[in-house]
Protein backbone atom coordinates (compact mmCIF):
# COMPACT_ATOMS: atom_id res chain seq x y z
CA MET A 1 112.56 95.51 120.56
CA SER A 2 112.80 91.98 119.15
CA VAL A 3 115.40 89.57 120.55
CA THR A 4 116.77 86.68 118.51
CA ALA A 5 119.24 84.05 119.69
CA GLN A 6 121.94 83.09 117.21
CA PRO A 7 123.47 79.65 116.70
CA ARG A 8 127.10 78.90 117.48
CA VAL A 9 128.75 79.44 114.09
CA THR A 10 131.82 81.31 112.95
CA GLY A 11 130.73 82.29 109.46
CA ILE A 12 128.12 81.65 106.80
CA GLY A 13 127.63 82.27 103.12
CA PRO A 14 130.22 81.95 100.34
CA SER A 15 133.47 80.76 101.96
CA GLY A 16 132.06 81.68 105.37
CA ARG A 17 132.61 85.39 104.64
CA TYR A 18 129.51 86.63 106.49
CA TYR A 19 128.60 86.98 110.14
CA PRO A 20 125.11 85.60 110.84
CA ILE A 21 122.70 88.25 112.10
CA HIS A 22 119.54 86.18 111.94
CA ASP A 23 118.72 82.58 110.97
CA PHE A 24 115.21 82.06 109.55
CA ARG A 25 115.16 78.34 110.34
CA ASP A 26 112.49 78.88 113.02
CA ASP A 27 110.60 81.54 111.03
CA PHE A 28 109.55 79.58 107.97
CA LEU A 29 105.87 79.41 107.06
CA VAL A 30 103.88 77.00 104.90
CA TYR A 31 100.50 77.51 103.26
CA ASP A 32 97.67 75.52 104.86
CA GLU A 33 94.83 74.74 102.46
CA GLY A 34 92.34 74.12 105.24
CA ALA A 35 92.99 77.39 107.05
CA ARG A 36 93.66 79.26 103.77
CA ALA A 37 96.52 81.03 105.51
CA TYR A 38 100.24 80.70 106.16
CA ILE A 39 101.11 78.85 109.36
CA PRO A 40 104.46 78.14 111.09
CA TYR A 41 106.51 75.24 109.74
CA VAL A 42 106.39 72.19 112.01
CA THR A 43 108.93 69.47 111.24
CA GLU A 44 106.65 66.59 112.24
CA GLN A 45 103.84 67.82 109.99
CA HIS A 46 105.43 69.53 107.02
CA THR A 47 108.40 67.43 105.96
CA ASP A 48 106.88 67.02 102.49
CA GLU A 49 106.38 70.73 101.88
CA THR A 50 108.38 71.99 98.89
CA ALA A 51 107.65 75.72 99.31
CA LEU A 52 108.77 77.48 102.49
CA SER A 53 108.11 81.18 103.03
CA ALA A 54 109.22 83.90 105.43
CA TYR A 55 108.66 87.59 106.01
CA ILE A 56 111.89 89.57 105.60
CA ASP A 57 112.13 92.81 107.56
CA LEU A 58 114.04 95.09 105.20
CA GLU A 59 113.70 98.36 107.06
CA SER A 60 115.28 97.10 110.27
CA ASN A 61 118.14 95.32 108.49
CA ARG A 62 119.58 98.05 106.32
CA HIS A 63 123.23 97.59 105.29
CA TYR A 64 122.98 93.80 105.75
CA SER A 65 122.72 91.03 103.15
CA LEU A 66 120.22 88.26 102.57
CA LEU A 67 121.88 84.87 102.04
CA ILE A 68 120.02 81.96 100.44
CA SER A 69 121.19 78.43 99.66
CA THR A 70 119.57 75.12 98.71
CA ARG A 71 121.07 71.64 98.48
CA ARG A 72 119.14 70.97 95.29
CA ASP A 73 118.02 73.24 92.47
CA GLY A 74 115.11 75.46 93.41
CA TYR A 75 113.41 78.78 92.76
CA LEU A 76 113.19 82.07 94.60
CA PHE A 77 109.94 84.06 94.77
CA ILE A 78 109.55 87.56 96.22
CA ASN A 79 106.02 88.81 96.89
CA ALA A 80 104.70 85.83 94.89
CA ALA A 81 106.76 86.77 91.80
CA LEU A 82 109.46 84.43 90.46
CA LYS A 83 112.83 86.18 90.65
CA ARG A 84 115.55 83.63 89.93
CA LYS A 85 116.57 79.99 89.84
CA LEU A 86 118.58 78.70 92.78
CA ARG A 87 121.49 76.46 91.85
CA ALA A 88 122.26 73.56 94.15
CA ASN A 89 124.86 74.32 96.84
CA GLU A 90 125.40 77.89 95.57
CA TRP A 91 124.85 80.88 97.82
CA GLN A 92 122.70 83.73 96.56
CA VAL A 93 123.62 87.05 98.21
CA LEU A 94 121.05 89.84 97.97
CA ASN A 95 121.80 93.34 99.25
CA ILE A 96 118.97 94.41 101.55
CA ASP A 97 119.48 98.11 100.77
CA SER A 98 118.93 97.30 97.09
CA LEU A 99 115.83 95.28 97.88
CA PHE A 100 114.48 98.17 99.95
CA ARG A 101 115.04 100.64 97.12
CA VAL A 102 113.36 98.34 94.62
CA TYR A 103 110.31 97.29 96.66
CA ARG A 104 109.95 100.39 98.86
CA GLN A 105 108.25 98.28 101.52
CA PRO A 106 109.38 97.74 105.11
CA GLU A 107 108.79 94.01 104.65
CA ILE A 108 108.75 91.52 101.76
CA PHE A 109 107.37 88.00 101.53
CA LEU A 110 110.00 85.54 100.32
CA THR A 111 109.37 81.95 99.20
CA ILE A 112 111.94 79.25 98.47
CA TYR A 113 110.66 76.42 96.29
CA GLY A 114 112.70 73.25 95.98
CA ALA A 115 113.17 69.84 97.51
CA PRO A 116 110.86 68.90 100.40
CA GLY A 117 111.76 69.69 103.97
CA LEU A 118 113.69 72.22 105.96
CA THR A 119 117.17 70.70 105.70
CA ASP A 120 117.34 71.54 102.00
CA LYS A 121 117.04 75.29 102.57
CA GLN A 122 119.14 77.93 104.32
CA LEU A 123 118.10 81.55 104.76
CA TYR A 124 120.11 84.08 106.73
CA ILE A 125 120.58 87.78 107.25
CA GLY A 126 124.32 88.35 107.39
CA TYR A 127 126.98 91.03 107.53
CA PRO A 128 130.18 90.78 105.45
CA LYS A 129 133.41 90.29 107.34
CA SER A 130 136.19 92.81 107.05
CA ALA A 131 139.82 91.81 106.72
CA SER A 132 140.69 94.18 109.55
CA GLN A 133 138.10 92.73 111.92
CA LYS A 134 138.77 89.96 114.39
CA GLN A 135 136.74 86.82 114.06
CA VAL A 136 133.55 86.92 116.11
CA VAL A 137 132.01 83.70 117.38
CA LEU A 138 128.32 83.94 118.17
CA SER A 139 127.14 81.52 120.85
CA ASP A 140 123.67 80.72 122.08
CA ASP A 141 123.86 83.33 124.82
CA ASN A 142 124.65 86.16 122.38
CA LEU A 143 121.51 88.07 121.48
CA SER A 144 120.79 90.27 118.49
CA ILE A 145 118.57 93.19 119.37
CA ARG A 146 116.76 94.88 116.49
CA PRO A 147 114.38 97.84 116.53
CA ARG A 148 110.71 97.40 115.78
CA PRO A 149 109.79 97.92 112.09
CA ARG A 150 108.93 101.53 111.23
CA THR A 151 106.30 102.24 108.62
CA LEU A 152 107.85 105.31 107.01
CA TYR A 153 105.42 105.63 104.14
CA ASP A 154 102.37 105.02 106.33
CA ASN A 155 103.45 107.74 108.73
CA PHE A 156 104.13 110.18 105.91
CA LEU A 157 100.86 109.43 104.12
CA SER A 158 98.92 109.93 107.36
CA LEU A 159 100.55 113.31 107.95
CA GLY A 160 100.13 114.15 104.26
CA LEU A 161 96.41 113.47 104.54
CA VAL A 162 96.19 115.82 107.51
CA PHE A 163 98.10 118.43 105.49
CA LEU A 164 95.66 118.11 102.57
CA LEU A 165 92.69 118.40 104.89
CA ALA A 166 94.23 121.56 106.32
CA THR A 167 94.79 123.13 102.88
CA HIS A 168 91.24 122.32 101.80
CA ALA A 169 89.86 123.72 105.06
CA PHE A 170 91.87 126.91 104.51
CA LEU A 171 90.53 127.37 100.97
CA PHE A 172 86.96 126.62 102.03
CA THR A 173 87.16 129.12 104.89
CA PHE A 174 88.77 132.04 103.08
CA TYR A 175 87.73 131.40 99.45
CA GLN A 176 84.34 129.80 99.91
CA ARG A 177 82.73 131.03 96.67
CA ALA A 178 85.70 129.90 94.59
CA PHE A 179 85.82 126.57 96.47
CA GLN A 180 82.15 125.87 95.76
CA ARG A 181 82.66 126.75 92.11
CA TYR A 182 85.75 124.60 91.61
CA TYR A 183 84.26 121.58 93.39
CA SER A 184 80.86 121.71 91.71
CA LEU A 185 80.18 118.78 89.38
CA GLY A 186 77.13 120.55 87.98
CA ASP A 187 79.20 123.62 87.12
CA LEU A 188 81.84 121.43 85.48
CA LEU A 189 79.28 119.72 83.24
CA SER A 190 77.55 122.98 82.37
CA LEU A 191 78.37 124.14 78.84
CA ARG A 192 77.28 127.71 79.58
CA ALA A 193 80.45 129.00 81.21
CA GLN A 194 80.30 132.39 82.93
CA GLU A 195 83.10 134.09 81.07
CA GLU A 196 82.80 137.22 83.18
CA SER A 197 83.61 135.26 86.32
CA PHE A 198 86.83 136.38 88.02
CA LEU A 199 87.90 132.71 88.25
CA ILE A 200 87.78 132.37 84.48
CA ASN A 201 89.00 135.70 83.13
CA ARG A 202 91.91 135.97 85.61
CA PRO A 203 93.62 132.56 85.40
CA LEU A 204 96.81 133.73 87.14
CA SER A 205 95.09 135.59 89.98
CA SER A 206 96.14 134.81 93.54
CA THR A 207 92.93 132.84 94.11
CA ASN A 208 93.44 130.64 91.07
CA LEU A 209 97.10 130.13 91.90
CA LEU A 210 96.17 128.92 95.39
CA PHE A 211 93.76 126.36 93.98
CA THR A 212 96.36 125.34 91.41
CA LEU A 213 98.91 124.88 94.19
CA ASN A 214 96.40 122.80 96.15
CA LEU A 215 95.85 120.62 93.10
CA SER A 216 99.63 120.15 92.93
CA PHE A 217 99.68 118.97 96.55
CA VAL A 218 96.90 116.44 95.83
CA ILE A 219 98.60 115.03 92.72
CA ALA A 220 101.96 114.80 94.52
CA TYR A 221 100.26 112.95 97.38
CA LEU A 222 98.82 110.44 94.91
CA ILE A 223 102.24 109.97 93.33
CA VAL A 224 103.83 109.21 96.72
CA PHE A 225 100.94 106.87 97.51
CA VAL A 226 101.44 104.95 94.27
CA GLN A 227 105.21 104.79 94.78
CA SER A 228 104.67 103.41 98.29
CA ARG A 229 102.75 100.52 96.69
CA ASN A 230 105.79 99.52 94.64
CA LEU A 231 104.74 101.12 91.34
CA ASP A 232 107.14 103.53 89.67
CA VAL A 233 105.47 106.72 88.46
CA PHE A 234 108.69 108.21 87.13
CA ASP A 235 110.33 106.17 84.42
CA SER A 236 113.74 107.64 85.29
CA ARG A 237 113.40 106.29 88.88
CA ALA A 238 115.38 109.36 89.96
CA LEU A 239 112.66 110.69 92.25
CA LEU A 240 111.31 109.08 95.40
CA LEU A 241 114.25 106.68 95.61
CA GLY A 242 116.69 107.78 98.26
CA ASN A 243 117.78 107.08 101.82
CA GLN A 244 114.17 106.53 102.99
CA GLN A 245 114.17 109.05 105.82
CA PHE A 246 111.06 111.03 106.73
CA GLY A 247 112.64 114.43 106.09
CA TRP A 248 113.93 113.27 102.72
CA LEU A 249 110.51 111.93 101.75
CA ALA A 250 108.82 115.20 102.76
CA GLY A 251 111.36 117.12 100.67
CA GLU A 252 110.67 114.87 97.67
CA TYR A 253 106.94 115.43 98.15
CA PHE A 254 107.26 119.20 97.98
CA LEU A 255 109.67 118.88 95.05
CA VAL A 256 107.10 116.83 93.13
CA SER A 257 104.41 119.35 94.12
CA GLY A 258 106.55 122.12 92.66
CA LEU A 259 107.06 120.20 89.41
CA VAL A 260 103.31 119.59 89.09
CA PHE A 261 102.56 123.25 89.82
CA ALA A 262 105.06 124.34 87.17
CA SER A 263 103.46 121.92 84.69
CA LEU A 264 99.99 123.34 85.33
CA ILE A 265 101.18 126.91 84.82
CA SER A 266 103.02 125.79 81.67
CA LYS A 267 99.71 124.35 80.49
CA TYR A 268 98.18 127.82 80.59
CA PHE A 269 101.02 129.36 78.58
CA LEU A 270 100.77 126.50 76.07
CA LEU A 271 97.07 127.33 75.63
CA GLU A 272 97.94 130.99 75.14
CA VAL A 273 100.46 130.18 72.42
CA ILE A 274 98.44 127.55 70.55
CA GLY A 275 95.20 129.46 71.01
CA GLY A 276 96.84 132.54 69.52
CA LEU A 277 98.00 130.57 66.50
CA TYR A 278 94.49 129.18 65.99
CA LYS A 279 92.89 132.57 66.74
CA LEU A 280 90.92 131.09 69.62
CA GLN A 281 91.84 133.63 72.29
CA ASP A 282 88.21 133.90 73.40
CA ILE A 283 88.05 130.31 74.66
CA ILE A 284 91.48 129.99 76.32
CA TYR A 285 90.33 131.14 79.77
CA VAL A 286 87.32 128.81 79.78
CA HIS A 287 89.49 125.94 78.55
CA TYR A 288 92.05 126.41 81.32
CA PHE A 289 89.36 126.79 83.99
CA LYS A 290 87.70 123.55 82.90
CA VAL A 291 91.08 121.80 83.06
CA LEU A 292 91.68 122.94 86.64
CA GLN A 293 88.10 122.28 87.71
CA SER A 294 87.96 118.75 86.30
CA SER A 295 91.44 117.90 87.67
CA LEU A 296 90.56 119.10 91.17
CA LEU A 297 87.38 117.03 91.23
CA PHE A 298 88.97 113.89 89.78
CA PHE A 299 92.27 113.78 91.66
CA THR A 300 90.76 114.84 94.98
CA THR A 301 88.19 112.06 94.62
CA CYS A 302 90.99 109.60 93.79
CA ALA A 303 92.95 110.63 96.89
CA PHE A 304 89.82 110.26 99.02
CA VAL A 305 88.92 106.80 97.67
CA LEU A 306 92.48 105.41 97.75
CA THR A 307 92.97 106.61 101.30
CA ILE A 308 89.78 104.90 102.46
CA VAL A 309 90.76 101.67 100.70
CA ALA A 310 94.35 101.76 101.98
CA TYR A 311 93.32 102.17 105.60
CA ASN A 312 90.62 99.52 105.47
CA VAL A 313 92.12 96.83 103.22
CA HIS A 314 95.28 95.17 104.56
CA MET A 315 98.29 95.00 102.19
CA ILE A 316 96.51 96.42 99.13
CA THR A 317 98.31 95.54 95.91
CA LEU A 318 98.05 97.99 93.02
CA GLU A 319 98.43 96.95 89.41
CA PRO A 320 99.36 99.41 86.62
CA ASN A 321 96.03 98.84 84.85
CA MET A 322 94.17 99.81 88.02
CA LEU A 323 95.69 103.28 87.66
CA LEU A 324 96.06 103.68 83.92
CA LEU A 325 92.49 102.83 82.97
CA PRO A 326 90.78 105.41 85.24
CA LEU A 327 93.42 108.00 84.30
CA VAL A 328 93.01 107.48 80.55
CA GLY A 329 89.22 107.39 80.99
CA PHE A 330 89.34 110.71 82.82
CA TYR A 331 91.38 112.40 80.10
CA ILE A 332 89.14 111.07 77.34
CA ALA A 333 86.03 112.30 79.20
CA ARG A 334 87.67 115.68 79.76
CA LEU A 335 88.57 115.90 76.08
CA MET A 336 84.94 115.32 75.13
CA LEU A 337 83.76 117.88 77.68
CA LEU A 338 86.19 120.48 76.33
CA TYR A 339 85.07 119.75 72.79
CA PHE A 340 81.41 120.45 73.54
CA ALA A 341 82.19 123.40 75.84
CA ILE A 342 84.30 125.12 73.19
CA ARG A 343 81.74 124.40 70.46
CA SER A 344 79.06 126.07 72.59
CA LEU A 345 81.18 129.22 72.88
CA GLU A 346 82.80 129.48 69.47
CA PRO A 347 81.46 128.43 66.04
CA ILE A 348 84.41 126.47 64.75
CA LYS A 349 84.85 123.65 62.27
CA ASN A 350 85.20 120.18 63.76
CA LEU A 351 88.52 119.46 62.04
CA TYR A 352 89.94 122.78 63.19
CA LEU A 353 88.82 122.20 66.77
CA PHE A 354 90.02 118.60 66.80
CA SER A 355 93.45 119.70 65.59
CA TYR A 356 93.65 122.29 68.38
CA LEU A 357 92.63 119.77 71.08
CA CYS A 358 95.09 117.17 69.80
CA ILE A 359 97.97 119.61 70.22
CA VAL A 360 97.05 120.94 73.67
CA GLU A 361 95.47 117.81 75.19
CA LEU A 362 96.31 114.54 73.44
CA ILE A 363 100.00 115.11 72.71
CA PRO A 364 100.83 116.15 76.33
CA LEU A 365 98.87 113.11 77.55
CA ILE A 366 100.80 110.72 75.28
CA ILE A 367 104.12 112.23 76.31
CA GLY A 368 103.15 112.01 79.99
CA LEU A 369 102.11 108.36 79.73
CA ARG A 370 105.36 107.59 77.96
CA PHE A 371 107.25 108.44 81.14
CA ALA A 372 104.68 107.20 83.65
CA LEU A 373 104.09 103.77 85.16
């Protein structure tokens, strides 16, 4: 538990309407060029510093507000991004619950840029007064006790990784032949597909459905991972934005897994319909198998690599291009693989085949990217 002494004040913020929960006066940091790191603000040394920073614990201060004021005009940065201009002698009140929903991080890095020195800047965590409450005066001997920060996403991602390892171990133990076939890069790149294989000619068999479900778990895990790094996968922002409790997050994970699973099964029925219209029934099973096989290899590798990076690189920051470029590259490579695989099985005109692949591969990709990232 962290213990913070509060100054003797009756109210802060606009018209003194907030109770002070924490004053950041002693928590400010400045960037030291020599050390190439942020160090505590020392009045005797840093009176000329114009940019003061502080870590704001969002997760432990839910339902409170962040109050910011400067005596002269300044600027507010959050996680090194400019957010707004600060007007002189005007209080800025930011709802911490809203900040937590937006950034989905237990902690943010806030910087106030303005006139030199500490006296120009005020930064508090406060709680709004109620008309029915009696005035509370906080003195130096009143202590505010706050729980230690909890890393909700880190805990969930760790347990999710264990869950994925368990599902892969289950499939390897009880469906070893199918596992080796699905996770074989050589088999994926082979253009001589074994059409008589039970994995290919029975796409909705229990074995294939289990591997499809496992692929759904992997993709959902990646989505939660990306969301935890403050990147929105869903354009609607309706998913993975709630009360930030572990049970809720687990429920959202399985909901996303179900949506991905339904999308993969819908992919098969789309191939059946379009393949029937193009009279390409003979290549539908191979096409769907290649889709599942390539997706399992790619997304499982992504989950493996991102997990290693996340647990070995502190405070990794993801950019949209870091995700979009590999994803688009994968789909383009898969499109080329499907083109050559289908050509090796069925003598078909290039224009005819390209039209078929555009409908079943490119159009779903474009629609998906429209609502992603």
